[in-house]
Amino acid sequence: MSMEIVLISGMSGSGKSVALHALEDAGYYCVDNLPPELLQSFVELKLNHQDEKVAIAMDARSAKGLPQLPDQLRRLKKQGLMPRMIFLDADSSTLIRRFSETRRRHPLSPGSQTNERQALELDIEKERELLGLLRDRSIVIDTGDLKSAQLQSYIKQIIEAPTGQMTLMFQSFGFKHSMPTDSDYVFDVRMLPNPFYDNELRALTGLDKPVADYLGALPEVQQMQLDIQQFLERWLPLLARDHRSYVTVGIGCTGGQHRSVFLVEALAKHFEKHWPTVRRHRSLDFRDKFIQVSQQFLAPDAIQPIS
């Protein structure tokens, strides 16, 4: 019997409980904070129970057992079971803010400190070093600017992608909303002509036909798309040969609304003929959320588009 196994890890405060809720909703049997040394026994137990989907969270709370995890994963692979590994991350300032808001103690903290912020910063850096090997083996999601619903959606995208073949994630973002840390490659396209300065295109996005027609006709946009395609076409086979399961390509413009969105759609359309491909538009999610909130408080003619 085959079993789908998802191993969730990541920094404390990065959203692992939200991810587990999403997996539970998707029909996975979920367990939090399983000691790594019990992974093999737990999987065998669930196989005996004929469970088809299992999600397991491991993090710094089981620090002493983490060195045993690679050996546990090798044993599972010999059985034909290879967990899909997801690592949730965020920059240190975001994690510090979240701990301050919840007033939770970091799992590596020995207790109260004279300088609590400084101690928290050291704990976070220690945790990054401790979890570095797990991060390197995993699909990484930067949760720094994500709402819970967005993270749940991203988790479901990952588990719906086919296994056994490397999956490409193309994601657009706006530099003014911060650069995501979960991209394997980042291409800055801010030098391209910006539809934001065209009054007829400003309120639209790269998903809209008028914007796509405008950008698609520009020689410099065509050249940028071709350059990125050729770079990826050269190196993707080698990445797949290195047993990578996921490669994330970030395309960034100023606001993440026009140029980056258009190029993500164009690149995904090109590569989906040969690779499993997922699209994600980080700043459009932010923009849509802003407009939904604004419409509750402002008259329609008072809402200003976001570039």
Protein backbone atom coordinates (compact mmCIF):
# COMPACT_ATOMS: atom_id res chain seq x y z
CA MET A 1 0.00 0.00 0.00
CA SER A 2 1.29 3.47 -0.88
CA MET A 3 1.05 6.42 1.46
CA GLU A 4 1.32 10.17 0.90
CA ILE A 5 3.55 11.68 3.59
CA VAL A 6 4.01 15.41 4.11
CA LEU A 7 6.70 16.54 6.53
CA ILE A 8 6.12 20.12 7.75
CA SER A 9 8.99 21.96 9.37
CA GLY A 10 10.15 25.52 9.73
CA MET A 11 10.95 28.39 12.02
CA SER A 12 8.96 28.86 15.22
CA GLY A 13 6.23 31.39 14.51
CA SER A 14 6.27 30.77 10.74
CA GLY A 15 2.78 29.24 10.53
CA LYS A 16 3.15 25.49 10.95
CA SER A 17 -0.17 25.17 12.80
CA VAL A 18 -1.93 26.93 9.89
CA ALA A 19 -0.26 24.52 7.45
CA LEU A 20 -1.37 21.52 9.49
CA HIS A 21 -4.95 22.80 9.52
CA ALA A 22 -4.85 23.06 5.72
CA LEU A 23 -3.57 19.50 5.45
CA GLU A 24 -6.17 18.25 7.90
CA ASP A 25 -8.87 19.87 5.76
CA ALA A 26 -7.36 18.06 2.75
CA GLY A 27 -7.87 14.70 4.45
CA TYR A 28 -4.46 14.11 6.02
CA TYR A 29 -3.99 12.50 9.41
CA CYS A 30 -1.90 15.16 11.18
CA VAL A 31 0.47 14.93 14.12
CA ASP A 32 2.40 17.83 15.59
CA ASN A 33 5.87 17.73 17.18
CA LEU A 34 6.64 14.09 16.45
CA PRO A 35 10.16 13.22 17.70
CA PRO A 36 12.28 12.40 14.62
CA GLU A 37 13.45 9.11 16.12
CA LEU A 38 9.80 7.91 16.07
CA LEU A 39 9.18 8.69 12.39
CA GLN A 40 9.79 5.16 11.12
CA SER A 41 7.64 3.55 13.80
CA PHE A 42 4.84 6.05 13.30
CA VAL A 43 4.73 5.51 9.53
CA GLU A 44 4.64 1.74 10.00
CA LEU A 45 1.75 2.14 12.45
CA LYS A 46 -0.24 4.27 10.00
CA LEU A 47 0.49 1.79 7.20
CA ASN A 48 -0.96 -0.96 9.36
CA HIS A 49 -4.02 1.24 9.91
CA GLN A 50 -4.22 1.66 6.11
CA ASP A 51 -4.06 5.44 6.30
CA GLU A 52 -3.33 6.91 2.86
CA LYS A 53 -2.41 10.48 3.83
CA VAL A 54 -0.22 11.52 6.77
CA ALA A 55 1.20 14.93 7.70
CA ILE A 56 3.88 15.31 10.38
CA ALA A 57 5.28 18.49 11.93
CA MET A 58 8.87 18.51 13.22
CA ASP A 59 10.84 21.52 14.38
CA ALA A 60 13.24 22.85 16.99
CA ARG A 61 11.12 21.49 19.82
CA SER A 62 12.67 18.11 18.97
CA ALA A 63 16.17 19.51 18.58
CA LYS A 64 17.95 16.53 20.14
CA GLY A 65 16.40 14.09 17.67
CA LEU A 66 16.93 16.09 14.46
CA PRO A 67 20.38 14.57 13.69
CA GLN A 68 18.62 11.18 13.33
CA LEU A 69 16.19 12.45 10.67
CA PRO A 70 18.37 11.87 7.55
CA ASP A 71 18.79 8.21 8.51
CA GLN A 72 15.04 7.89 9.10
CA LEU A 73 14.32 9.40 5.69
CA ARG A 74 16.76 6.98 4.00
CA ARG A 75 14.93 4.04 5.57
CA LEU A 76 11.59 5.33 4.31
CA LYS A 77 13.02 5.80 0.82
CA LYS A 78 14.13 2.15 0.77
CA GLN A 79 10.48 1.25 1.45
CA GLY A 80 9.37 3.36 -1.50
CA LEU A 81 8.06 6.10 0.78
CA MET A 82 9.51 9.57 0.31
CA PRO A 83 7.88 12.39 2.28
CA ARG A 84 7.12 15.67 0.55
CA MET A 85 9.03 18.12 2.74
CA ILE A 86 7.79 21.68 3.26
CA PHE A 87 9.72 24.30 5.22
CA LEU A 88 8.01 27.50 6.42
CA ASP A 89 10.23 30.52 6.88
CA ALA A 90 10.11 34.28 7.53
CA ASP A 91 12.68 36.97 8.15
CA SER A 92 13.84 37.47 11.72
CA SER A 93 12.08 40.81 12.22
CA THR A 94 8.75 39.21 11.29
CA LEU A 95 9.31 36.30 13.67
CA ILE A 96 10.27 38.68 16.50
CA ARG A 97 7.10 40.71 15.89
CA ARG A 98 4.94 37.58 15.96
CA PHE A 99 6.48 36.40 19.22
CA SER A 100 5.93 39.86 20.72
CA GLU A 101 2.28 39.85 19.66
CA THR A 102 1.56 36.38 21.06
CA ARG A 103 3.88 36.69 24.08
CA ARG A 104 4.98 33.09 23.52
CA ARG A 105 8.40 31.87 24.58
CA HIS A 106 10.74 30.63 21.87
CA PRO A 107 11.24 26.83 22.20
CA LEU A 108 15.02 27.30 22.47
CA SER A 109 14.73 29.94 25.17
CA PRO A 110 15.96 28.78 28.61
CA GLY A 111 13.73 31.25 30.43
CA SER A 112 13.40 34.94 31.16
CA GLN A 113 16.29 37.10 29.98
CA THR A 114 17.46 40.59 30.91
CA ASN A 115 17.33 41.69 27.28
CA GLU A 116 14.46 39.63 25.89
CA ARG A 117 14.67 40.95 22.31
CA GLN A 118 18.38 40.29 22.06
CA ALA A 119 17.92 36.82 23.51
CA LEU A 120 15.10 36.13 21.01
CA GLU A 121 17.30 37.21 18.11
CA LEU A 122 20.01 34.77 19.25
CA ASP A 123 17.44 31.97 19.66
CA ILE A 124 16.15 32.55 16.12
CA GLU A 125 19.65 32.47 14.65
CA LYS A 126 20.40 29.29 16.59
CA GLU A 127 17.19 27.76 15.26
CA ARG A 128 18.11 28.68 11.66
CA GLU A 129 21.41 26.87 12.03
CA LEU A 130 19.74 23.88 13.65
CA LEU A 131 17.13 23.53 10.90
CA GLY A 132 19.44 24.38 7.99
CA LEU A 133 19.67 20.79 6.74
CA LEU A 134 15.89 20.41 6.75
CA ARG A 135 15.46 23.66 4.86
CA ASP A 136 17.91 22.58 2.17
CA ARG A 137 15.91 19.39 1.57
CA SER A 138 12.49 21.07 1.47
CA ILE A 139 10.09 23.17 -0.56
CA VAL A 140 10.40 26.57 1.14
CA ILE A 141 7.50 28.98 1.65
CA ASP A 142 8.20 32.49 2.89
CA THR A 143 5.21 33.33 5.11
CA GLY A 144 6.40 36.84 5.99
CA ASP A 145 3.63 38.70 4.15
CA LEU A 146 1.08 35.90 3.87
CA LYS A 147 -2.35 35.76 5.46
CA SER A 148 -3.54 32.42 6.86
CA ALA A 149 -5.85 31.84 3.89
CA GLN A 150 -2.99 32.45 1.44
CA LEU A 151 -0.70 30.02 3.24
CA GLN A 152 -3.43 27.37 3.27
CA SER A 153 -3.91 27.89 -0.47
CA TYR A 154 -0.18 27.56 -1.12
CA ILE A 155 0.00 24.33 0.89
CA LYS A 156 -2.86 22.85 -1.12
CA GLN A 157 -1.14 23.85 -4.37
CA ILE A 158 1.97 21.96 -3.30
CA ILE A 159 0.23 18.74 -2.32
CA GLU A 160 -1.84 18.77 -5.51
CA ALA A 161 1.30 18.92 -7.67
CA PRO A 162 2.34 15.51 -9.04
CA THR A 163 5.10 13.61 -7.29
CA GLY A 164 7.98 11.82 -8.97
CA GLN A 165 8.83 14.73 -11.27
CA MET A 166 10.33 18.12 -10.51
CA THR A 167 7.67 20.83 -10.20
CA LEU A 168 8.23 24.46 -11.22
CA MET A 169 6.73 27.27 -9.16
CA PHE A 170 6.62 30.64 -10.91
CA GLN A 171 5.72 33.44 -8.52
CA SER A 172 5.32 37.15 -9.12
CA PHE A 173 5.91 39.69 -6.37
CA GLY A 174 6.36 43.41 -5.79
CA PHE A 175 9.65 44.66 -4.40
CA LYS A 176 7.77 47.34 -2.48
CA HIS A 177 6.00 44.57 -0.54
CA SER A 178 9.39 42.91 0.27
CA MET A 179 11.24 40.24 -1.66
CA PRO A 180 10.27 36.64 -0.77
CA THR A 181 13.07 34.46 0.56
CA ASP A 182 11.67 31.20 -0.79
CA SER A 183 12.79 31.61 -4.44
CA ASP A 184 15.63 29.54 -5.86
CA TYR A 185 16.05 32.14 -8.62
CA VAL A 186 14.92 35.78 -8.67
CA PHE A 187 14.67 37.94 -11.79
CA ASP A 188 14.23 41.70 -11.39
CA VAL A 189 12.13 43.14 -14.26
CA ARG A 190 11.71 46.68 -12.94
CA MET A 191 13.67 48.08 -15.89
CA LEU A 192 10.84 47.15 -18.28
CA PRO A 193 8.16 49.72 -19.27
CA ASN A 194 5.53 49.97 -16.52
CA PRO A 195 1.81 49.90 -17.48
CA PHE A 196 1.10 51.69 -14.20
CA TYR A 197 1.89 54.97 -15.95
CA ASP A 198 -0.79 54.36 -18.59
CA ASN A 199 -4.11 55.62 -17.19
CA GLU A 200 -6.07 52.98 -19.12
CA LEU A 201 -3.94 50.12 -17.78
CA ARG A 202 -3.17 51.32 -14.25
CA ALA A 203 -6.07 49.61 -12.48
CA LEU A 204 -5.66 46.35 -14.43
CA THR A 205 -3.20 43.52 -13.82
CA GLY A 206 -0.93 41.31 -15.88
CA LEU A 207 -3.79 38.80 -16.00
CA ASP A 208 -5.91 41.21 -18.05
CA LYS A 209 -5.76 41.06 -21.85
CA PRO A 210 -5.08 44.80 -22.46
CA VAL A 211 -2.01 44.65 -20.21
CA ALA A 212 -0.87 41.34 -21.72
CA ASP A 213 -1.26 42.73 -25.26
CA TYR A 214 0.67 45.89 -24.34
CA LEU A 215 3.58 44.08 -22.66
CA GLY A 216 3.67 41.19 -25.11
CA ALA A 217 4.26 43.58 -28.02
CA LEU A 218 7.31 45.26 -26.45
CA PRO A 219 10.68 43.97 -27.78
CA GLU A 220 12.40 44.40 -24.41
CA VAL A 221 9.72 42.33 -22.67
CA GLN A 222 10.02 39.63 -25.33
CA GLN A 223 13.80 39.60 -24.86
CA MET A 224 13.49 39.34 -21.06
CA GLN A 225 11.12 36.40 -21.41
CA LEU A 226 13.46 34.69 -23.87
CA ASP A 227 16.52 35.25 -21.65
CA ILE A 228 14.77 33.71 -18.62
CA GLN A 229 13.47 30.80 -20.70
CA GLN A 230 16.92 30.01 -22.08
CA PHE A 231 18.53 30.19 -18.64
CA LEU A 232 15.98 27.79 -17.14
CA GLU A 233 15.97 25.44 -20.12
CA ARG A 234 19.72 25.06 -19.74
CA TRP A 235 19.77 24.32 -16.01
CA LEU A 236 16.44 22.62 -15.20
CA PRO A 237 17.55 19.19 -16.48
CA LEU A 238 20.59 19.31 -14.21
CA LEU A 239 18.45 20.34 -11.25
CA ALA A 240 16.11 17.42 -11.94
CA ARG A 241 19.09 15.08 -12.20
CA ASP A 242 20.13 16.31 -8.75
CA HIS A 243 16.79 14.96 -7.43
CA ARG A 244 15.22 18.35 -6.82
CA SER A 245 11.46 18.00 -6.33
CA TYR A 246 10.60 21.71 -6.52
CA VAL A 247 12.18 24.81 -8.07
CA THR A 248 10.76 28.26 -7.33
CA VAL A 249 11.38 31.11 -9.76
CA GLY A 250 10.54 34.61 -8.54
CA ILE A 251 9.78 37.43 -10.98
CA GLY A 252 9.71 40.85 -9.30
CA CYS A 253 8.58 44.28 -10.43
CA THR A 254 7.76 47.38 -8.39
CA GLY A 255 4.23 46.56 -7.27
CA GLY A 256 3.82 42.97 -8.42
CA GLN A 257 0.73 43.90 -10.44
CA HIS A 258 1.64 44.18 -14.14
CA ARG A 259 5.07 43.18 -15.50
CA SER A 260 5.95 40.35 -13.13
CA VAL A 261 2.45 38.88 -13.35
CA PHE A 262 2.51 38.92 -17.15
CA LEU A 263 5.92 37.23 -17.29
CA VAL A 264 4.95 34.56 -14.75
CA GLU A 265 1.93 33.67 -16.85
CA ALA A 266 3.95 33.64 -20.08
CA LEU A 267 6.77 31.54 -18.59
CA ALA A 268 4.40 29.09 -16.94
CA LYS A 269 2.55 28.62 -20.23
CA HIS A 270 5.85 27.90 -21.98
CA PHE A 271 7.21 25.43 -19.43
CA GLU A 272 4.00 23.58 -18.54
CA LYS A 273 4.37 21.61 -21.77
CA HIS A 274 7.33 19.76 -20.27
CA TRP A 275 7.20 20.19 -16.48
CA PRO A 276 4.49 20.21 -13.79
CA THR A 277 3.99 23.94 -13.24
CA VAL A 278 2.33 26.08 -10.56
CA ARG A 279 1.61 29.82 -10.70
CA ARG A 280 1.50 32.14 -7.70
CA HIS A 281 0.96 35.92 -7.55
CA ARG A 282 1.94 37.11 -4.07
CA SER A 283 1.29 40.83 -4.45
CA LEU A 284 -2.00 40.35 -6.30
CA ASP A 285 -3.24 38.47 -3.23
CA PHE A 286 -2.15 41.46 -1.12
CA ARG A 287 -3.80 43.88 -3.56
CA ASP A 288 -7.10 41.98 -3.69
CA LYS A 289 -7.23 41.83 0.11
CA PHE A 290 -6.59 45.61 0.30
CA ILE A 291 -9.34 46.40 -2.19
CA GLN A 292 -11.84 44.12 -0.42
CA VAL A 293 -11.17 45.88 2.88
CA SER A 294 -11.21 49.33 1.27
CA GLN A 295 -14.59 48.74 -0.32
CA GLN A 296 -16.09 48.21 3.12
CA PHE A 297 -15.06 51.68 4.28
CA LEU A 298 -14.67 53.89 1.20
CA ALA A 299 -16.94 55.08 -1.56
CA PRO A 300 -16.10 53.38 -4.89
CA ASP A 301 -14.67 56.54 -6.41
CA ALA A 302 -12.32 56.96 -3.45
CA ILE A 303 -10.48 53.65 -3.98
CA GLN A 304 -7.07 54.18 -5.53
CA PRO A 305 -5.44 51.40 -7.56
CA ILE A 306 -2.18 49.90 -6.30
CA SER A 307 0.76 49.84 -8.64
